[in-house]
Amino acid sequence: MNISTIDITILALFIIGIVWWALRNGKSSDSTSYFLAGRNMTWPVVGLSLFAASVSSSTLMGHSGEGFISGIAVFNYNWISVLVMVFFALFFLPFYIKSGIFTMPEFLEKRFDKRSRYYFSFITIFGNVFLDAAATLYTGALIIKLIFPEADLFWIIVIMAIVAGSYTIIGGLSSAINADMIQATILIIGSGILYFFALHEIGGWEELYNRFGEGVWLKLTRSLDDPTVPWLGMWVGIPILGFYFWANNQVMVQRVLSARSIDHGRKGVLFVGFLYLFTLFIFILPGLIGRGINLFGVDGLPTELIDGSTLKSSFGINTDQVYPRLIVKLLPVGLIGLILAAMISALTSTLSATLSSVSTLFTMDFYQRWDKNADSQKLVKVGRITSLVVLLIAIFWAPFIQKFDSLVSYYQEVVSYLAPPIVGTFFLGLFWKRSNEKGALWGLISGILVAAIIMIMKYAMDVTIPYHFLLIAPMVMVFSMGVNIVVSLVSHLPDVEKVAQNTWTVQLWKEETTELKGVAWYKNFRFLSAILVVACFAMYLMFI
């Protein structure tokens, strides 16, 4: 793929500019500034930062690739997640912000005890380092290598790490969030431009519908045996994964914790929910259009659904190449550089978010317990060292991922086994006063044991599991919650003070209702939530 000097110049200027901007706006005078950006971010900043952090290189590759393979089914993950965001904003978010926590595991300690906190923190750190950070570097390097095939994979990884690490390590979360603002804007504009060029190439929306209106290509509801998103899994599995990603994941929630108030946090989450509705057009449909315009120049490609591995083995089509091929094939000189900047934004913002997450988790959940006399400046120093160590581990681990395809290929599936016990524990902790620390701990342990057994059977023993992973996730969660409930009921009552401070009640809803009287509709988060929910179901009904 030949890239002009103009496009390379635009890309280079963007990288230099984003690093300068992030460092210029970094705050690291104390631990609150470094880890939570001073808790002073407004809702547009929170929303844009959430969007940038959530869209990784694998998202761009995966969404456009899935669009090419199976149509718009993958959008089910996004619109269902928007409903989850609304639920999170209404019920969980106020407790997170009011409690003054730095990390998600810290909330478990406030509701239960430190054992649950350490368990969740350790699992999150391990996943962030060896899956999130390393996988982001590896999949991002694959995209860049498709465009610059002569470049060495390892050095691409190093350069991306330096770009993201340069401002995250020095400036902390405030640097990352300020970079995210610019990167999210470029990502949305750039991807939107690519969509319109792709739509024009195929002949407009009417021609797109004529090509793919028959069959399931433009349908969100699929059969129960659909390999992408079976209809039952859409309703019972995706909400669990969505809740884990948006309400339990330190990478994402840390940005919400930086909000200057509960209202700004809520509106930031609702804002990113609104943005996510457009991912159907800017990320997924371009991939389907790529199939319609014969992006790979393959004659005789069947019109029925074919999985990605068959496309690769039988037709030589690597769906990871869909997004970069669309860029080079459809866009003029200059715009290619802009869209490449959007891709780099997806890489660096996700990596930056992961570094900030691990740094905060290790420093606040572990180091602060070891050195109880550490002041804010020392915590910031430890946070920087942690980020650097994580970055180095990710750099040297990333190239090995190509030898262990399951780390990337089955990432979403692995998360569907690990997330349910955590989601179940948070739900019982917030909505069931009787849940105690013993129930929480045994619920978490039993859930992870069941998940481990399933993964060993499937990946080590080659045992066929007759259910889609989206159907297994609720089974694991129900089992874990059942253990939590039984152990809590047969053991002592939970601490009254912890329950009172960290459990939702109807009275809280009534108090908020009173506070919202007289608030203009466009400032009322409940009204905005209702609009977003209606928009979600409207889009679903359009493509049902």
Protein backbone atom coordinates (compact mmCIF):
# COMPACT_ATOMS: atom_id res chain seq x y z
CA MET A 1 0.00 0.00 0.00
CA ASN A 2 1.62 3.22 -1.15
CA ILE A 3 1.27 6.19 1.19
CA SER A 4 2.16 9.68 -0.04
CA THR A 5 4.67 11.96 1.64
CA ILE A 6 1.85 14.39 2.38
CA ASP A 7 -0.07 11.76 4.33
CA ILE A 8 3.02 10.68 6.26
CA THR A 9 3.70 14.33 7.11
CA ILE A 10 0.13 14.83 8.36
CA LEU A 11 0.45 11.70 10.48
CA ALA A 12 3.79 12.80 11.96
CA LEU A 13 2.49 16.30 12.76
CA PHE A 14 -0.55 14.77 14.45
CA ILE A 15 1.58 12.54 16.68
CA ILE A 16 3.87 15.41 17.67
CA GLY A 17 0.89 17.69 18.28
CA ILE A 18 -1.01 15.22 20.45
CA VAL A 19 2.03 14.54 22.65
CA TRP A 20 2.65 18.30 23.06
CA TRP A 21 -0.99 18.98 23.91
CA ALA A 22 -1.19 16.13 26.42
CA LEU A 23 1.99 17.15 28.23
CA ARG A 24 0.93 20.79 28.26
CA ASN A 25 -2.30 19.85 30.07
CA GLY A 26 -0.88 17.24 32.43
CA LYS A 27 -1.37 17.49 36.20
CA SER A 28 0.84 15.61 38.64
CA SER A 29 1.18 17.82 41.70
CA ASP A 30 -0.57 15.26 43.94
CA SER A 31 -2.12 11.78 43.77
CA THR A 32 -5.65 13.05 43.08
CA SER A 33 -4.38 15.16 40.17
CA TYR A 34 -2.20 12.40 38.76
CA PHE A 35 -4.58 9.44 39.11
CA LEU A 36 -7.97 11.17 38.75
CA ALA A 37 -7.16 14.45 36.96
CA GLY A 38 -8.09 16.44 40.07
CA ARG A 39 -11.70 15.15 39.91
CA ASN A 40 -12.59 18.26 37.94
CA MET A 41 -13.58 17.09 34.44
CA THR A 42 -16.79 18.28 32.76
CA TRP A 43 -19.24 15.94 31.03
CA PRO A 44 -18.12 16.55 27.40
CA VAL A 45 -14.53 15.78 28.38
CA VAL A 46 -15.56 12.65 30.29
CA GLY A 47 -17.69 11.44 27.37
CA LEU A 48 -15.05 11.98 24.69
CA SER A 49 -12.39 10.38 26.87
CA LEU A 50 -14.60 7.33 27.45
CA PHE A 51 -15.19 7.02 23.71
CA ALA A 52 -11.49 7.27 22.84
CA ALA A 53 -10.47 4.80 25.55
CA SER A 54 -13.13 2.28 24.50
CA VAL A 55 -12.25 2.24 20.79
CA SER A 56 -9.07 0.21 20.43
CA SER A 57 -7.20 -0.94 17.35
CA SER A 58 -8.94 -4.30 17.66
CA THR A 59 -12.29 -2.44 17.66
CA LEU A 60 -11.53 -0.87 14.30
CA MET A 61 -10.25 -4.15 12.88
CA GLY A 62 -12.94 -6.23 14.55
CA HIS A 63 -15.97 -4.11 13.74
CA SER A 64 -15.13 -3.54 10.09
CA GLY A 65 -13.97 -7.14 9.73
CA GLU A 66 -17.18 -8.49 11.27
CA GLY A 67 -19.16 -6.18 9.01
CA PHE A 68 -17.44 -7.82 6.03
CA ILE A 69 -18.00 -11.34 7.43
CA SER A 70 -21.52 -11.26 8.83
CA GLY A 71 -23.10 -7.83 8.36
CA ILE A 72 -24.27 -5.68 11.25
CA ALA A 73 -24.73 -8.37 13.94
CA VAL A 74 -21.75 -7.11 15.93
CA PHE A 75 -23.63 -3.81 16.52
CA ASN A 76 -25.70 -5.72 19.08
CA TYR A 77 -22.74 -5.43 21.46
CA ASN A 78 -22.86 -1.65 21.12
CA TRP A 79 -26.55 -0.79 21.36
CA ILE A 80 -27.13 -3.20 24.25
CA SER A 81 -24.11 -1.66 25.99
CA VAL A 82 -25.73 1.77 25.65
CA LEU A 83 -28.67 0.46 27.72
CA VAL A 84 -26.14 -0.79 30.25
CA MET A 85 -24.53 2.67 30.37
CA VAL A 86 -27.92 4.20 31.23
CA PHE A 87 -28.43 1.70 34.05
CA PHE A 88 -24.91 2.30 35.32
CA ALA A 89 -25.37 6.09 35.26
CA LEU A 90 -28.66 5.92 37.14
CA PHE A 91 -27.74 3.50 39.91
CA PHE A 92 -24.05 2.65 40.31
CA LEU A 93 -22.24 5.85 39.32
CA PRO A 94 -23.45 8.01 42.27
CA PHE A 95 -22.07 5.50 44.78
CA TYR A 96 -18.71 5.35 43.00
CA ILE A 97 -18.24 9.14 42.97
CA LYS A 98 -19.67 9.85 46.44
CA SER A 99 -17.46 7.20 48.06
CA GLY A 100 -14.31 9.02 46.89
CA ILE A 101 -12.70 5.82 45.59
CA PHE A 102 -9.72 5.71 43.23
CA THR A 103 -10.31 2.15 41.96
CA MET A 104 -13.14 -0.31 41.34
CA PRO A 105 -11.69 -2.92 43.73
CA GLU A 106 -11.69 -0.21 46.41
CA PHE A 107 -15.50 -0.12 46.21
CA LEU A 108 -15.62 -3.84 46.99
CA GLU A 109 -13.64 -3.20 50.17
CA LYS A 110 -16.00 -0.42 51.21
CA ARG A 111 -18.98 -2.74 50.73
CA PHE A 112 -17.37 -6.05 51.79
CA ASP A 113 -13.71 -6.39 52.86
CA LYS A 114 -10.11 -6.15 51.62
CA ARG A 115 -10.00 -9.79 50.41
CA SER A 116 -12.52 -9.07 47.64
CA ARG A 117 -10.61 -5.91 46.80
CA TYR A 118 -7.26 -7.69 46.41
CA TYR A 119 -8.80 -10.52 44.38
CA PHE A 120 -10.44 -8.18 41.87
CA SER A 121 -7.43 -5.87 41.72
CA PHE A 122 -4.98 -8.68 41.00
CA ILE A 123 -7.14 -10.13 38.22
CA THR A 124 -7.61 -6.67 36.68
CA ILE A 125 -3.89 -5.85 36.75
CA PHE A 126 -2.95 -9.20 35.21
CA GLY A 127 -5.52 -8.80 32.44
CA ASN A 128 -4.56 -5.17 31.80
CA VAL A 129 -0.87 -6.02 31.41
CA PHE A 130 -0.91 -9.29 29.47
CA LEU A 131 -4.15 -8.93 27.54
CA ASP A 132 -5.15 -5.27 27.21
CA ALA A 133 -1.80 -3.46 26.93
CA ALA A 134 0.08 -6.17 25.05
CA ALA A 135 -2.86 -7.02 22.77
CA THR A 136 -3.40 -3.33 21.96
CA LEU A 137 0.23 -2.97 20.95
CA TYR A 138 0.19 -6.17 18.91
CA THR A 139 -3.08 -5.64 17.02
CA GLY A 140 -2.20 -1.99 16.49
CA ALA A 141 1.19 -2.98 15.07
CA LEU A 142 -0.55 -5.37 12.66
CA ILE A 143 -2.66 -2.51 11.30
CA ILE A 144 0.33 -0.21 10.86
CA LYS A 145 2.32 -3.02 9.25
CA LEU A 146 -0.42 -3.52 6.66
CA ILE A 147 0.13 0.08 5.62
CA PHE A 148 3.92 0.08 6.04
CA PRO A 149 4.80 -3.56 5.23
CA GLU A 150 8.57 -2.94 5.25
CA ALA A 151 8.52 -1.81 8.89
CA ASP A 152 9.65 -4.26 11.56
CA LEU A 153 6.81 -5.37 13.87
CA PHE A 154 8.83 -4.93 17.06
CA TRP A 155 9.88 -1.37 16.26
CA ILE A 156 6.29 -0.40 15.40
CA ILE A 157 5.33 -1.67 18.86
CA VAL A 158 8.14 0.32 20.47
CA ILE A 159 7.19 3.56 18.68
CA MET A 160 3.50 3.24 19.63
CA ALA A 161 4.49 2.54 23.23
CA ILE A 162 6.73 5.60 23.33
CA VAL A 163 3.98 7.85 21.92
CA ALA A 164 1.36 6.74 24.46
CA GLY A 165 3.76 6.37 27.36
CA SER A 166 5.48 9.72 26.87
CA TYR A 167 2.51 11.73 28.09
CA THR A 168 0.70 9.17 30.26
CA ILE A 169 3.68 8.41 32.49
CA ILE A 170 4.60 12.07 32.96
CA GLY A 171 1.23 13.80 33.09
CA GLY A 172 -1.06 11.07 34.44
CA LEU A 173 -4.78 10.81 33.78
CA SER A 174 -5.21 14.51 32.98
CA SER A 175 -2.72 14.19 30.10
CA ALA A 176 -4.45 11.05 28.88
CA ILE A 177 -7.91 12.64 29.03
CA ASN A 178 -6.82 15.82 27.24
CA ALA A 179 -5.23 13.68 24.51
CA ASP A 180 -8.42 11.60 24.38
CA MET A 181 -10.50 14.71 23.64
CA ILE A 182 -8.53 15.45 20.48
CA GLN A 183 -8.19 11.80 19.50
CA ALA A 184 -11.90 11.05 19.93
CA THR A 185 -12.79 14.05 17.76
CA ILE A 186 -10.34 12.98 15.04
CA LEU A 187 -11.56 9.38 15.28
CA ILE A 188 -15.22 10.32 14.88
CA ILE A 189 -14.63 12.81 12.06
CA GLY A 190 -12.16 10.57 10.23
CA SER A 191 -14.30 7.44 10.45
CA GLY A 192 -17.36 9.45 9.42
CA ILE A 193 -15.56 10.70 6.31
CA LEU A 194 -14.56 7.14 5.41
CA TYR A 195 -18.18 6.00 5.78
CA PHE A 196 -19.46 8.63 3.34
CA PHE A 197 -16.74 7.82 0.81
CA ALA A 198 -17.58 4.11 1.12
CA LEU A 199 -21.31 4.76 0.77
CA HIS A 200 -20.66 6.86 -2.34
CA GLU A 201 -18.47 4.11 -3.79
CA ILE A 202 -21.21 1.48 -3.57
CA GLY A 203 -23.83 3.86 -5.02
CA GLY A 204 -25.64 5.18 -1.96
CA TRP A 205 -27.83 3.73 0.76
CA GLU A 206 -30.46 2.42 -1.68
CA GLU A 207 -27.86 0.39 -3.55
CA LEU A 208 -26.41 -0.89 -0.27
CA TYR A 209 -29.87 -2.09 0.75
CA ASN A 210 -30.47 -3.66 -2.68
CA ARG A 211 -27.22 -5.64 -2.33
CA PHE A 212 -27.72 -6.79 1.26
CA GLY A 213 -31.43 -6.34 2.06
CA GLU A 214 -32.06 -10.04 1.52
CA GLY A 215 -30.90 -12.46 4.19
CA VAL A 216 -29.42 -11.50 7.54
CA TRP A 217 -26.76 -8.99 6.50
CA LEU A 218 -28.74 -5.96 7.72
CA LYS A 219 -30.53 -7.79 10.55
CA LEU A 220 -29.67 -7.48 14.24
CA THR A 221 -31.84 -10.40 15.39
CA ARG A 222 -30.18 -13.67 14.43
CA SER A 223 -31.08 -17.34 14.91
CA LEU A 224 -30.18 -19.19 18.12
CA ASP A 225 -27.38 -21.04 16.31
CA ASP A 226 -25.84 -17.89 14.84
CA PRO A 227 -22.05 -17.95 15.50
CA THR A 228 -21.80 -14.17 15.96
CA VAL A 229 -24.72 -13.13 18.18
CA PRO A 230 -27.54 -15.65 18.84
CA TRP A 231 -30.73 -13.76 19.76
CA LEU A 232 -30.91 -15.16 23.30
CA GLY A 233 -27.26 -14.32 23.91
CA MET A 234 -27.99 -10.75 22.83
CA TRP A 235 -30.44 -10.34 25.71
CA VAL A 236 -28.82 -12.39 28.50
CA GLY A 237 -25.10 -12.43 27.64
CA ILE A 238 -24.15 -9.06 26.17
CA PRO A 239 -25.55 -7.07 29.14
CA ILE A 240 -23.15 -8.93 31.46
CA LEU A 241 -20.12 -8.22 29.27
CA GLY A 242 -21.30 -4.65 28.77
CA PHE A 243 -21.71 -4.06 32.48
CA TYR A 244 -18.26 -5.45 33.21
CA PHE A 245 -16.67 -3.23 30.54
CA TRP A 246 -18.49 -0.01 31.37
CA ALA A 247 -19.22 -0.30 35.12
CA ASN A 248 -16.50 -2.57 36.59
CA ASN A 249 -13.54 -1.95 34.30
CA GLN A 250 -10.97 0.37 35.89
CA VAL A 251 -9.83 1.55 32.45
CA MET A 252 -13.26 3.02 31.75
CA VAL A 253 -14.64 3.94 35.17
CA GLN A 254 -11.47 5.83 36.12
CA ARG A 255 -12.51 8.47 33.61
CA VAL A 256 -15.94 8.71 35.23
CA LEU A 257 -14.32 9.13 38.65
CA SER A 258 -12.50 12.19 37.29
CA ALA A 259 -15.82 14.05 36.84
CA ARG A 260 -16.29 17.19 38.93
CA SER A 261 -19.73 16.03 40.12
CA ILE A 262 -22.20 13.14 39.92
CA ASP A 263 -24.23 15.10 37.36
CA HIS A 264 -21.20 15.63 35.10
CA GLY A 265 -20.27 11.96 35.45
CA ARG A 266 -23.76 10.85 34.50
CA LYS A 267 -24.01 13.16 31.51
CA GLY A 268 -20.54 12.09 30.35
CA VAL A 269 -21.68 8.45 30.32
CA LEU A 270 -24.91 9.35 28.50
CA PHE A 271 -22.87 11.35 25.98
CA VAL A 272 -20.65 8.39 25.12
CA GLY A 273 -23.81 6.27 24.85
CA PHE A 274 -25.14 8.69 22.25
CA LEU A 275 -21.82 8.52 20.34
CA TYR A 276 -21.90 4.72 20.41
CA LEU A 277 -25.13 4.63 18.42
CA PHE A 278 -23.18 6.00 15.45
CA THR A 279 -20.60 3.17 15.52
CA LEU A 280 -22.95 1.20 13.25
CA PHE A 281 -22.26 3.70 10.50
CA ILE A 282 -18.65 4.71 11.08
CA PHE A 283 -17.14 1.33 12.05
CA ILE A 284 -19.38 -1.56 10.96
CA LEU A 285 -21.18 -0.62 7.73
CA PRO A 286 -17.91 0.35 5.94
CA GLY A 287 -16.85 -3.29 6.37
CA LEU A 288 -20.07 -4.56 4.78
CA ILE A 289 -19.68 -2.03 1.98
CA GLY A 290 -16.16 -3.41 1.45
CA ARG A 291 -17.77 -6.75 0.63
CA GLY A 292 -20.19 -5.06 -1.73
CA ILE A 293 -17.44 -3.28 -3.71
CA ASN A 294 -15.25 -6.42 -3.85
CA LEU A 295 -12.52 -4.78 -1.79
CA PHE A 296 -10.13 -7.72 -2.16
CA GLY A 297 -10.77 -8.30 -5.87
CA VAL A 298 -11.84 -11.92 -5.33
CA ASP A 299 -14.16 -13.35 -8.00
CA GLY A 300 -16.82 -15.86 -7.10
CA LEU A 301 -17.17 -14.93 -3.43
CA PRO A 302 -20.39 -16.64 -2.22
CA THR A 303 -23.28 -14.46 -1.11
CA GLU A 304 -24.00 -16.50 2.04
CA LEU A 305 -22.26 -16.02 5.39
CA ILE A 306 -18.77 -17.53 5.65
CA ASP A 307 -16.67 -17.39 8.81
CA GLY A 308 -13.40 -15.47 8.85
CA SER A 309 -11.12 -18.52 8.90
CA THR A 310 -12.80 -19.96 5.79
CA LEU A 311 -12.54 -16.61 4.01
CA LYS A 312 -8.83 -16.62 4.76
CA SER A 313 -8.09 -20.25 3.88
CA SER A 314 -10.34 -20.62 0.82
CA PHE A 315 -10.33 -17.13 -0.67
CA GLY A 316 -7.17 -15.53 0.72
CA ILE A 317 -9.14 -12.75 2.42
CA ASN A 318 -7.79 -11.49 5.73
CA THR A 319 -10.63 -9.45 7.26
CA ASP A 320 -8.13 -7.65 9.53
CA GLN A 321 -7.16 -5.74 6.38
CA VAL A 322 -10.66 -4.40 5.63
CA TYR A 323 -10.32 -1.05 7.41
CA PRO A 324 -6.82 -0.11 6.16
CA ARG A 325 -7.69 -1.28 2.62
CA LEU A 326 -10.79 0.92 2.61
CA ILE A 327 -8.64 3.88 3.63
CA VAL A 328 -6.08 3.43 0.89
CA LYS A 329 -8.59 2.45 -1.83
CA LEU A 330 -11.24 5.11 -1.28
CA LEU A 331 -9.62 8.24 0.15
CA PRO A 332 -7.62 10.95 -1.63
CA VAL A 333 -4.18 12.16 -0.59
CA GLY A 334 -4.36 14.19 2.60
CA LEU A 335 -7.47 12.49 3.90
CA ILE A 336 -5.53 9.23 4.12
CA GLY A 337 -3.21 10.93 6.60
CA LEU A 338 -6.23 12.12 8.62
CA ILE A 339 -7.75 8.64 8.85
CA LEU A 340 -4.38 7.13 9.72
CA ALA A 341 -4.25 9.70 12.52
CA ALA A 342 -7.66 8.39 13.62
CA MET A 343 -6.27 4.86 13.70
CA ILE A 344 -3.22 5.95 15.68
CA SER A 345 -5.64 7.71 18.04
CA ALA A 346 -7.43 4.43 18.68
CA LEU A 347 -4.13 2.71 19.43
CA THR A 348 -2.57 5.27 21.73
CA SER A 349 -5.72 6.27 23.64
CA THR A 350 -6.52 2.65 24.59
CA LEU A 351 -2.93 1.95 25.59
CA SER A 352 -2.78 5.19 27.56
CA ALA A 353 -6.01 4.28 29.39
CA THR A 354 -4.63 0.84 30.27
CA LEU A 355 -1.36 2.26 31.61
CA SER A 356 -3.23 4.76 33.76
CA SER A 357 -5.51 1.99 35.04
CA VAL A 358 -2.71 -0.38 36.11
CA SER A 359 -0.73 2.47 37.63
CA THR A 360 -3.69 3.50 39.77
CA LEU A 361 -4.61 -0.07 40.76
CA PHE A 362 -1.11 -1.04 41.87
CA THR A 363 -0.36 2.24 43.67
CA MET A 364 -3.68 2.70 45.49
CA ASP A 365 -4.67 -0.95 46.09
CA PHE A 366 -1.27 -2.42 46.95
CA TYR A 367 1.60 0.03 47.42
CA GLN A 368 -0.35 2.43 49.62
CA ARG A 369 -1.11 -0.51 51.94
CA TRP A 370 2.58 -1.45 52.15
CA ASP A 371 3.82 2.10 52.73
CA LYS A 372 1.14 3.76 54.83
CA ASN A 373 3.27 6.86 55.36
CA ALA A 374 3.71 7.59 51.64
CA ASP A 375 2.71 11.14 50.74
CA SER A 376 1.06 12.24 47.48
CA GLN A 377 4.35 12.96 45.73
CA LYS A 378 5.68 9.50 46.53
CA LEU A 379 2.47 7.88 45.27
CA VAL A 380 2.81 9.81 42.01
CA LYS A 381 6.41 8.61 41.67
CA VAL A 382 5.36 5.00 42.27
CA GLY A 383 2.56 5.44 39.72
CA ARG A 384 5.04 6.62 37.10
CA ILE A 385 7.42 3.75 37.77
CA THR A 386 4.52 1.29 37.58
CA SER A 387 3.40 2.68 34.21
CA LEU A 388 6.94 2.38 32.86
CA VAL A 389 7.34 -1.21 34.06
CA VAL A 390 3.95 -2.19 32.60
CA LEU A 391 4.87 -0.58 29.29
CA LEU A 392 8.15 -2.47 29.10
CA ILE A 393 6.45 -5.78 29.91
CA ALA A 394 3.80 -5.13 27.25
CA ILE A 395 6.43 -4.20 24.65
CA PHE A 396 8.35 -7.45 25.08
CA TRP A 397 5.26 -9.64 25.51
CA ALA A 398 3.32 -8.25 22.53
CA PRO A 399 5.38 -9.96 19.78
CA PHE A 400 4.79 -13.35 21.44
CA ILE A 401 1.02 -12.99 21.10
CA GLN A 402 1.31 -14.14 17.49
CA LYS A 403 2.39 -17.53 18.86
CA PHE A 404 -0.64 -17.69 21.13
CA ASP A 405 -3.52 -16.70 18.89
CA SER A 406 -6.04 -17.46 21.61
CA LEU A 407 -4.95 -14.36 23.55
CA VAL A 408 -6.35 -12.19 20.77
CA SER A 409 -8.81 -14.46 19.00
CA TYR A 410 -10.60 -15.56 22.14
CA TYR A 411 -10.18 -12.42 24.25
CA GLN A 412 -13.87 -11.58 24.21
CA GLU A 413 -14.77 -15.18 24.97
CA VAL A 414 -12.32 -15.39 27.88
CA VAL A 415 -13.77 -12.18 29.33
CA SER A 416 -17.24 -13.72 29.09
CA TYR A 417 -16.05 -16.43 31.51
CA LEU A 418 -14.18 -14.14 33.92
CA ALA A 419 -16.60 -11.20 34.08
CA PRO A 420 -19.85 -12.84 35.37
CA PRO A 421 -18.72 -13.48 38.99
CA ILE A 422 -17.50 -9.89 39.30
CA VAL A 423 -20.68 -8.43 37.81
CA GLY A 424 -22.81 -10.61 40.09
CA THR A 425 -20.86 -9.52 43.17
CA PHE A 426 -21.32 -5.82 42.36
CA PHE A 427 -25.05 -6.28 41.75
CA LEU A 428 -25.66 -8.14 45.00
CA GLY A 429 -23.47 -5.68 46.85
CA LEU A 430 -25.49 -2.68 45.69
CA PHE A 431 -29.03 -4.11 45.64
CA TRP A 432 -29.09 -6.83 48.36
CA LYS A 433 -28.39 -5.70 51.92
CA ARG A 434 -27.91 -9.25 53.24
CA SER A 435 -24.84 -10.02 51.08
CA ASN A 436 -21.74 -10.12 53.31
CA GLU A 437 -17.98 -10.40 52.82
CA LYS A 438 -17.94 -14.21 53.05
CA GLY A 439 -20.65 -14.51 50.43
CA ALA A 440 -18.84 -12.08 48.14
CA LEU A 441 -15.50 -13.90 48.45
CA TRP A 442 -16.91 -17.39 47.90
CA GLY A 443 -19.08 -16.13 45.06
CA LEU A 444 -16.01 -14.71 43.33
CA ILE A 445 -13.89 -17.83 43.94
CA SER A 446 -16.59 -20.30 42.86
CA GLY A 447 -17.25 -18.28 39.71
CA ILE A 448 -13.59 -18.19 38.71
CA LEU A 449 -13.26 -21.94 39.36
CA VAL A 450 -16.22 -22.71 37.07
CA ALA A 451 -14.78 -20.39 34.41
CA ALA A 452 -11.37 -22.07 34.72
CA ILE A 453 -12.91 -25.54 34.35
CA ILE A 454 -14.78 -24.47 31.21
CA MET A 455 -11.66 -22.92 29.65
CA ILE A 456 -9.49 -25.95 30.46
CA MET A 457 -12.08 -28.30 28.99
CA LYS A 458 -12.43 -26.23 25.84
CA TYR A 459 -8.86 -25.12 25.14
CA ALA A 460 -6.68 -27.75 26.80
CA MET A 461 -8.83 -30.88 26.48
CA ASP A 462 -10.61 -29.97 23.20
CA VAL A 463 -13.99 -30.75 24.71
CA THR A 464 -16.86 -29.33 22.64
CA ILE A 465 -19.00 -26.93 24.67
CA PRO A 466 -22.47 -27.02 23.06
CA TYR A 467 -23.33 -23.43 23.99
CA HIS A 468 -22.31 -20.03 22.66
CA PHE A 469 -20.16 -18.10 25.13
CA LEU A 470 -22.89 -15.45 25.37
CA LEU A 471 -25.15 -18.17 26.80
CA ILE A 472 -22.48 -19.51 29.15
CA ALA A 473 -21.86 -16.08 30.73
CA PRO A 474 -25.29 -15.84 32.46
CA MET A 475 -24.97 -19.45 33.65
CA VAL A 476 -21.66 -18.65 35.36
CA MET A 477 -23.11 -15.47 36.88
CA VAL A 478 -26.22 -17.20 38.24
CA PHE A 479 -24.04 -19.93 39.80
CA SER A 480 -21.69 -17.38 41.38
CA MET A 481 -24.58 -15.28 42.71
CA GLY A 482 -26.25 -18.44 44.07
CA VAL A 483 -23.11 -19.27 46.07
CA ASN A 484 -22.94 -15.67 47.32
CA ILE A 485 -26.57 -15.78 48.47
CA VAL A 486 -26.32 -19.18 50.21
CA VAL A 487 -23.06 -18.37 52.03
CA SER A 488 -24.38 -14.96 53.09
CA LEU A 489 -27.61 -16.45 54.46
CA VAL A 490 -25.89 -19.18 56.51
CA SER A 491 -23.25 -16.82 57.93
CA HIS A 492 -23.32 -13.59 59.96
CA LEU A 493 -25.10 -10.35 59.13
CA PRO A 494 -23.04 -7.80 57.15
CA ASP A 495 -21.65 -4.64 58.72
CA VAL A 496 -24.57 -2.22 59.18
CA GLU A 497 -22.52 0.90 58.39
CA LYS A 498 -21.08 -0.54 55.15
CA VAL A 499 -24.54 -1.58 54.02
CA ALA A 500 -26.05 1.84 54.78
CA GLN A 501 -23.36 3.74 52.87
CA ASN A 502 -23.03 1.45 49.83
CA THR A 503 -26.47 0.00 49.12
CA TRP A 504 -29.20 1.46 46.90
CA THR A 505 -32.61 2.20 48.40
CA VAL A 506 -35.92 3.51 47.09
CA GLN A 507 -35.47 6.51 49.38
CA LEU A 508 -32.44 7.60 47.34
CA TRP A 509 -34.59 7.58 44.19
CA LYS A 510 -37.23 9.69 45.92
CA GLU A 511 -34.63 12.19 47.12
CA GLU A 512 -33.23 12.55 43.60
CA THR A 513 -36.76 13.03 42.26
CA THR A 514 -37.23 15.94 44.66
CA GLU A 515 -33.89 17.46 43.65
CA LEU A 516 -34.83 17.28 39.95
CA LYS A 517 -38.03 19.28 40.35
CA GLY A 518 -37.73 22.49 38.38
CA VAL A 519 -34.67 21.29 36.44
CA ALA A 520 -34.99 21.98 32.69
CA TRP A 521 -35.61 18.83 30.64
CA TYR A 522 -32.36 19.15 28.71
CA LYS A 523 -30.44 19.25 32.01
CA ASN A 524 -32.40 16.41 33.63
CA PHE A 525 -30.31 13.22 33.42
CA ARG A 526 -33.41 11.02 33.76
CA PHE A 527 -35.08 12.65 30.78
CA LEU A 528 -31.85 12.39 28.77
CA SER A 529 -31.60 8.73 29.78
CA ALA A 530 -35.13 8.08 28.53
CA ILE A 531 -34.31 9.72 25.18
CA LEU A 532 -31.22 7.52 24.83
CA VAL A 533 -33.18 4.35 25.64
CA VAL A 534 -35.84 5.25 23.06
CA ALA A 535 -33.09 5.92 20.47
CA CYS A 536 -31.55 2.50 21.17
CA PHE A 537 -34.78 0.61 20.61
CA ALA A 538 -35.61 2.75 17.57
CA MET A 539 -32.33 1.69 15.95
CA TYR A 540 -32.96 -1.92 16.91
CA LEU A 541 -36.44 -1.86 15.37
CA MET A 542 -35.02 -0.32 12.17
CA PHE A 543 -32.77 -3.35 11.70
CA ILE A 544 -34.69 -6.02 13.59
